[in-house]
């Protein structure tokens, strides 16, 4: 079955950096859209970033210029480099997969059929 496993979360001071990684198994990785989402306490899950099949990746406005997403089809992984972290970036970060080998990345969590267990990122101010 499809499994997504996130790693790399932790506690960091404001202004610091973290790199999250998502390892995928049980799927034909290069036919799945991959995205990163996050969910803070009391808030809805929201889009963070996702690579497109054609053209550059997409980022939510609140992380643009600070986060960088990269996908490695040979290793079945997708990484999220997070720089200049802010207290408001504190959340559980989730990797998600959607079986759709075409079109632009979707920012809607409901369109993704597979999710990892999440990794906690806490930014202290």
N, C-alpha and C. Protein backbone atom coordinates (compact mmCIF):
# COMPACT_ATOMS: atom_id res chain seq x y z
N UNK A 1 0.84 -1.18 0.00
CA UNK A 1 0.00 0.00 0.00
C UNK A 1 0.88 1.24 0.00
N UNK A 2 0.25 2.37 -0.33
CA UNK A 2 0.99 3.62 -0.38
C UNK A 2 1.34 4.06 1.03
N UNK A 3 2.61 4.40 1.21
CA UNK A 3 3.06 4.93 2.50
C UNK A 3 3.89 6.18 2.27
N UNK A 4 3.59 7.20 3.05
CA UNK A 4 4.35 8.44 3.03
C UNK A 4 4.89 8.66 4.43
N UNK A 5 6.19 8.88 4.53
CA UNK A 5 6.82 9.03 5.84
C UNK A 5 7.61 10.32 5.88
N UNK A 6 7.16 11.24 6.75
CA UNK A 6 7.85 12.52 6.90
C UNK A 6 8.90 12.42 7.99
N UNK A 7 9.92 13.23 7.86
CA UNK A 7 10.95 13.33 8.89
C UNK A 7 11.55 14.72 8.83
N UNK A 8 12.29 15.08 9.88
CA UNK A 8 13.02 16.33 9.86
C UNK A 8 12.43 17.44 10.70
N UNK A 9 11.26 17.21 11.29
CA UNK A 9 10.68 18.25 12.11
C UNK A 9 11.44 18.43 13.41
N UNK A 10 11.06 19.47 14.17
CA UNK A 10 11.72 19.71 15.44
C UNK A 10 11.46 21.10 15.95
N UNK A 11 12.24 21.47 16.95
CA UNK A 11 12.14 22.79 17.57
C UNK A 11 13.29 23.66 17.07
N UNK A 12 12.97 24.86 16.64
CA UNK A 12 13.98 25.77 16.12
C UNK A 12 13.62 27.19 16.53
N UNK A 13 14.61 28.02 16.68
CA UNK A 13 14.36 29.42 17.01
C UNK A 13 13.94 30.18 15.76
N UNK A 14 13.22 31.24 15.98
CA UNK A 14 12.81 32.11 14.87
C UNK A 14 14.05 32.56 14.10
N UNK A 15 13.93 32.54 12.78
CA UNK A 15 15.06 32.87 11.93
C UNK A 15 15.89 31.67 11.52
N UNK A 16 15.65 30.55 12.15
CA UNK A 16 16.40 29.34 11.85
C UNK A 16 15.86 28.58 10.66
N UNK A 17 16.45 27.41 10.43
CA UNK A 17 16.10 26.60 9.27
C UNK A 17 15.87 25.15 9.67
N UNK A 18 15.04 24.49 8.89
CA UNK A 18 14.82 23.06 8.99
C UNK A 18 14.59 22.51 7.59
N UNK A 19 14.93 21.25 7.41
CA UNK A 19 14.60 20.57 6.16
C UNK A 19 13.75 19.35 6.46
N UNK A 20 12.58 19.33 5.88
CA UNK A 20 11.68 18.19 6.00
C UNK A 20 11.87 17.28 4.80
N UNK A 21 11.70 16.00 5.04
CA UNK A 21 11.79 15.03 3.95
C UNK A 21 10.59 14.10 3.99
N UNK A 22 10.13 13.70 2.82
CA UNK A 22 9.02 12.76 2.71
C UNK A 22 9.48 11.62 1.82
N UNK A 23 9.44 10.42 2.35
CA UNK A 23 9.79 9.23 1.58
C UNK A 23 8.53 8.48 1.23
N UNK A 24 8.38 8.15 -0.05
CA UNK A 24 7.17 7.48 -0.53
C UNK A 24 7.48 6.05 -0.95
N UNK A 25 6.55 5.16 -0.67
CA UNK A 25 6.68 3.78 -1.10
C UNK A 25 5.31 3.23 -1.46
N UNK A 26 5.31 2.14 -2.23
CA UNK A 26 4.05 1.50 -2.59
C UNK A 26 3.33 2.18 -3.72
N UNK A 27 4.01 3.04 -4.46
CA UNK A 27 3.38 3.74 -5.58
C UNK A 27 4.41 3.95 -6.69
N UNK A 28 3.87 4.25 -7.87
CA UNK A 28 4.74 4.64 -8.98
C UNK A 28 4.96 6.13 -8.85
N UNK A 29 6.04 6.48 -8.20
CA UNK A 29 6.23 7.85 -7.70
C UNK A 29 6.09 8.89 -8.80
N UNK A 30 6.62 8.61 -9.99
CA UNK A 30 6.63 9.65 -11.02
C UNK A 30 5.27 9.83 -11.70
N UNK A 31 4.22 9.18 -11.18
CA UNK A 31 2.87 9.44 -11.68
C UNK A 31 2.00 10.11 -10.63
N UNK A 32 2.60 10.46 -9.49
CA UNK A 32 1.86 11.08 -8.39
C UNK A 32 2.28 12.53 -8.20
N UNK A 33 1.27 13.41 -8.07
CA UNK A 33 1.55 14.74 -7.59
C UNK A 33 1.93 14.64 -6.13
N UNK A 34 2.85 15.45 -5.68
CA UNK A 34 3.24 15.48 -4.28
C UNK A 34 3.12 16.91 -3.77
N UNK A 35 2.65 17.04 -2.56
CA UNK A 35 2.52 18.37 -1.99
C UNK A 35 2.83 18.36 -0.50
N UNK A 36 3.19 19.52 0.01
CA UNK A 36 3.35 19.71 1.45
C UNK A 36 2.22 20.61 1.94
N UNK A 37 1.65 20.20 3.07
CA UNK A 37 0.60 20.96 3.72
C UNK A 37 0.98 21.12 5.18
N UNK A 38 0.26 21.99 5.88
CA UNK A 38 0.50 22.11 7.32
C UNK A 38 -0.82 22.43 8.02
N UNK A 39 -0.83 22.11 9.30
CA UNK A 39 -2.01 22.37 10.10
C UNK A 39 -1.59 22.80 11.50
N UNK A 40 -1.99 24.02 11.84
CA UNK A 40 -1.73 24.55 13.18
C UNK A 40 -2.93 24.25 14.07
N UNK A 41 -2.74 24.25 15.37
CA UNK A 41 -3.85 23.96 16.29
C UNK A 41 -5.01 24.91 16.07
N UNK A 42 -6.20 24.34 15.94
CA UNK A 42 -7.40 25.14 15.76
C UNK A 42 -7.59 25.72 14.38
N UNK A 43 -6.71 25.36 13.45
CA UNK A 43 -6.81 25.89 12.09
C UNK A 43 -7.00 24.75 11.09
N UNK A 44 -7.45 25.12 9.90
CA UNK A 44 -7.62 24.13 8.85
C UNK A 44 -6.26 23.80 8.21
N UNK A 45 -6.22 22.64 7.62
CA UNK A 45 -5.01 22.25 6.91
C UNK A 45 -4.85 23.15 5.69
N UNK A 46 -3.62 23.61 5.45
CA UNK A 46 -3.40 24.55 4.36
C UNK A 46 -2.21 24.13 3.51
N UNK A 47 -2.28 24.52 2.26
CA UNK A 47 -1.23 24.24 1.29
C UNK A 47 0.03 25.02 1.64
N UNK A 48 1.18 24.37 1.46
CA UNK A 48 2.46 25.03 1.65
C UNK A 48 3.21 25.14 0.33
N UNK A 49 3.44 24.00 -0.31
CA UNK A 49 4.23 24.01 -1.54
C UNK A 49 4.02 22.71 -2.30
N UNK A 50 4.29 22.76 -3.62
CA UNK A 50 4.20 21.55 -4.42
C UNK A 50 4.89 21.76 -5.75
N UNK A 51 5.61 20.77 -6.25
CA UNK A 51 6.26 20.89 -7.55
C UNK A 51 5.27 20.61 -8.67
N UNK A 52 5.42 21.31 -9.79
CA UNK A 52 4.62 21.05 -10.96
C UNK A 52 5.34 20.13 -11.93
N UNK A 53 4.59 19.41 -12.74
CA UNK A 53 5.20 18.55 -13.76
C UNK A 53 5.94 19.40 -14.78
N UNK A 54 5.35 20.53 -15.13
CA UNK A 54 5.97 21.44 -16.08
C UNK A 54 6.03 22.82 -15.42
N UNK A 55 7.17 23.46 -15.55
CA UNK A 55 7.30 24.78 -14.93
C UNK A 55 7.74 24.68 -13.50
N UNK A 56 7.84 25.81 -12.87
CA UNK A 56 8.36 25.86 -11.51
C UNK A 56 7.37 25.41 -10.47
N UNK A 57 7.84 25.20 -9.25
CA UNK A 57 6.96 24.80 -8.16
C UNK A 57 6.06 25.95 -7.74
N UNK A 58 5.05 25.62 -6.98
CA UNK A 58 4.15 26.63 -6.44
C UNK A 58 4.29 26.70 -4.93
N UNK A 59 4.17 27.90 -4.43
CA UNK A 59 4.29 28.13 -2.99
C UNK A 59 3.12 28.99 -2.52
N UNK A 60 2.70 28.73 -1.31
CA UNK A 60 1.73 29.63 -0.70
C UNK A 60 2.41 30.97 -0.45
N UNK A 61 1.65 32.03 -0.49
CA UNK A 61 2.22 33.38 -0.31
C UNK A 61 2.96 33.51 1.01
N UNK A 62 2.48 32.83 2.05
CA UNK A 62 3.07 33.01 3.36
C UNK A 62 4.40 32.28 3.54
N UNK A 63 4.82 31.50 2.54
CA UNK A 63 6.14 30.86 2.63
C UNK A 63 7.03 31.21 1.44
N UNK A 64 6.47 31.90 0.46
CA UNK A 64 7.23 32.21 -0.75
C UNK A 64 8.48 33.02 -0.41
N UNK A 65 9.59 32.61 -1.00
CA UNK A 65 10.86 33.29 -0.74
C UNK A 65 11.62 32.73 0.46
N UNK A 66 10.95 31.92 1.27
CA UNK A 66 11.60 31.35 2.45
C UNK A 66 11.72 29.82 2.36
N UNK A 67 10.76 29.19 1.71
CA UNK A 67 10.75 27.72 1.59
C UNK A 67 11.08 27.32 0.17
N UNK A 68 11.74 26.16 0.05
CA UNK A 68 12.06 25.61 -1.27
C UNK A 68 11.71 24.13 -1.27
N UNK A 69 10.95 23.73 -2.28
CA UNK A 69 10.56 22.33 -2.41
C UNK A 69 11.38 21.69 -3.52
N UNK A 70 11.72 20.43 -3.31
CA UNK A 70 12.45 19.69 -4.35
C UNK A 70 11.97 18.25 -4.37
N UNK A 71 11.98 17.70 -5.54
CA UNK A 71 11.47 16.34 -5.75
C UNK A 71 12.55 15.51 -6.40
N UNK A 72 12.76 14.30 -5.92
CA UNK A 72 13.75 13.39 -6.49
C UNK A 72 13.04 12.10 -6.90
N UNK A 73 12.74 11.97 -8.17
CA UNK A 73 12.00 10.80 -8.65
C UNK A 73 12.83 9.52 -8.55
N UNK A 74 14.14 9.64 -8.56
CA UNK A 74 15.00 8.46 -8.46
C UNK A 74 14.97 7.87 -7.05
N UNK A 75 14.77 8.74 -6.06
CA UNK A 75 14.77 8.28 -4.66
C UNK A 75 13.38 8.23 -4.05
N UNK A 76 12.37 8.60 -4.82
CA UNK A 76 10.99 8.64 -4.32
C UNK A 76 10.86 9.54 -3.09
N UNK A 77 11.46 10.70 -3.17
CA UNK A 77 11.40 11.62 -2.05
C UNK A 77 11.03 13.02 -2.51
N UNK A 78 10.48 13.77 -1.58
CA UNK A 78 10.23 15.19 -1.80
C UNK A 78 10.64 15.91 -0.52
N UNK A 79 11.42 16.96 -0.68
CA UNK A 79 11.97 17.66 0.47
C UNK A 79 11.44 19.09 0.52
N UNK A 80 11.42 19.64 1.73
CA UNK A 80 11.00 21.02 1.92
C UNK A 80 12.05 21.71 2.77
N UNK A 81 12.82 22.58 2.15
CA UNK A 81 13.82 23.37 2.86
C UNK A 81 13.13 24.63 3.37
N UNK A 82 13.20 24.83 4.69
CA UNK A 82 12.50 25.96 5.30
C UNK A 82 13.52 26.88 5.96
N UNK A 83 13.60 28.10 5.47
CA UNK A 83 14.53 29.09 6.00
C UNK A 83 13.76 30.25 6.61
N UNK A 84 14.46 31.05 7.39
CA UNK A 84 13.86 32.24 8.00
C UNK A 84 12.53 31.91 8.66
N UNK A 85 12.54 30.88 9.45
CA UNK A 85 11.30 30.41 10.07
C UNK A 85 10.75 31.43 11.06
N UNK A 86 9.42 31.48 11.09
CA UNK A 86 8.71 32.40 11.96
C UNK A 86 7.84 31.60 12.93
N UNK A 87 7.44 32.25 14.02
CA UNK A 87 6.59 31.57 15.00
C UNK A 87 5.30 31.07 14.34
N UNK A 88 4.80 31.83 13.37
CA UNK A 88 3.55 31.43 12.71
C UNK A 88 3.71 30.25 11.77
N UNK A 89 4.93 29.78 11.57
CA UNK A 89 5.14 28.56 10.79
C UNK A 89 4.96 27.31 11.65
N UNK A 90 4.77 27.49 12.94
CA UNK A 90 4.57 26.36 13.84
C UNK A 90 3.31 25.59 13.45
N UNK A 91 3.47 24.30 13.20
CA UNK A 91 2.37 23.47 12.74
C UNK A 91 2.86 22.03 12.60
N UNK A 92 1.92 21.14 12.37
CA UNK A 92 2.27 19.80 11.91
C UNK A 92 2.31 19.85 10.40
N UNK A 93 3.41 19.40 9.84
CA UNK A 93 3.60 19.42 8.40
C UNK A 93 3.35 18.02 7.83
N UNK A 94 2.56 17.99 6.77
CA UNK A 94 2.17 16.74 6.15
C UNK A 94 2.60 16.69 4.69
N UNK A 95 3.02 15.51 4.30
CA UNK A 95 3.28 15.20 2.90
C UNK A 95 2.03 14.53 2.34
N UNK A 96 1.67 14.85 1.10
CA UNK A 96 0.48 14.28 0.50
C UNK A 96 0.75 13.87 -0.93
N UNK A 97 0.02 12.85 -1.39
CA UNK A 97 0.20 12.35 -2.75
C UNK A 97 -1.14 12.19 -3.45
N UNK A 98 -1.15 12.50 -4.74
CA UNK A 98 -2.34 12.37 -5.56
C UNK A 98 -1.95 11.69 -6.87
N UNK A 99 -2.70 10.67 -7.26
CA UNK A 99 -2.39 9.93 -8.48
C UNK A 99 -2.91 10.72 -9.68
N UNK A 100 -2.11 11.66 -10.15
CA UNK A 100 -2.49 12.49 -11.29
C UNK A 100 -1.22 12.97 -11.98
N UNK A 101 -0.80 12.27 -13.04
CA UNK A 101 0.48 12.60 -13.69
C UNK A 101 0.37 13.70 -14.73
N UNK A 102 -0.51 14.68 -14.50
CA UNK A 102 -0.67 15.78 -15.43
C UNK A 102 -1.28 16.96 -14.69
N UNK A 103 -1.26 18.11 -15.31
CA UNK A 103 -1.91 19.28 -14.73
C UNK A 103 -1.06 19.93 -13.64
N UNK A 104 -1.55 21.06 -13.18
CA UNK A 104 -0.83 21.82 -12.17
C UNK A 104 -1.12 21.26 -10.78
N UNK A 105 -0.22 21.56 -9.87
CA UNK A 105 -0.37 21.09 -8.50
C UNK A 105 -1.67 21.64 -7.92
N UNK A 106 -2.32 20.83 -7.12
CA UNK A 106 -3.56 21.26 -6.48
C UNK A 106 -3.26 21.77 -5.08
N UNK A 107 -3.93 22.86 -4.70
CA UNK A 107 -3.75 23.43 -3.37
C UNK A 107 -4.84 22.99 -2.40
N UNK A 108 -5.73 22.12 -2.88
CA UNK A 108 -6.84 21.68 -2.05
C UNK A 108 -6.51 20.35 -1.38
N UNK A 109 -6.52 20.30 -0.05
CA UNK A 109 -6.21 19.03 0.62
C UNK A 109 -7.16 17.90 0.23
N UNK A 110 -8.39 18.24 -0.10
CA UNK A 110 -9.37 17.22 -0.43
C UNK A 110 -9.06 16.45 -1.69
N UNK A 111 -8.16 16.97 -2.51
CA UNK A 111 -7.84 16.29 -3.76
C UNK A 111 -6.72 15.26 -3.61
N UNK A 112 -6.16 15.16 -2.42
CA UNK A 112 -5.06 14.23 -2.20
C UNK A 112 -5.58 12.98 -1.47
N UNK A 113 -5.24 11.83 -2.01
CA UNK A 113 -5.76 10.59 -1.45
C UNK A 113 -4.87 9.95 -0.40
N UNK A 114 -3.62 10.37 -0.35
CA UNK A 114 -2.68 9.73 0.57
C UNK A 114 -1.94 10.79 1.38
N UNK A 115 -1.78 10.50 2.67
CA UNK A 115 -1.15 11.43 3.59
C UNK A 115 -0.16 10.71 4.48
N UNK A 116 0.89 11.42 4.85
CA UNK A 116 1.79 10.90 5.86
C UNK A 116 1.23 11.17 7.25
N UNK A 117 1.97 10.74 8.26
CA UNK A 117 1.51 10.90 9.63
C UNK A 117 1.78 12.30 10.17
N UNK A 118 2.59 13.06 9.46
CA UNK A 118 2.91 14.42 9.86
C UNK A 118 4.15 14.50 10.73
N UNK A 119 4.79 15.65 10.69
CA UNK A 119 5.95 15.91 11.53
C UNK A 119 5.80 17.31 12.14
N UNK A 120 6.05 17.41 13.43
CA UNK A 120 5.82 18.66 14.14
C UNK A 120 6.99 19.62 13.92
N UNK A 121 6.65 20.85 13.57
CA UNK A 121 7.63 21.93 13.48
C UNK A 121 7.20 23.00 14.48
N UNK A 122 8.09 23.31 15.39
CA UNK A 122 7.81 24.33 16.40
C UNK A 122 8.88 25.40 16.31
N UNK A 123 8.44 26.64 16.10
CA UNK A 123 9.36 27.76 15.99
C UNK A 123 9.15 28.66 17.20
N UNK A 124 10.19 28.82 17.98
CA UNK A 124 10.10 29.65 19.17
C UNK A 124 10.52 31.08 18.84
N UNK A 125 9.77 32.01 19.41
CA UNK A 125 10.06 33.43 19.11
C UNK A 125 10.93 34.05 20.19
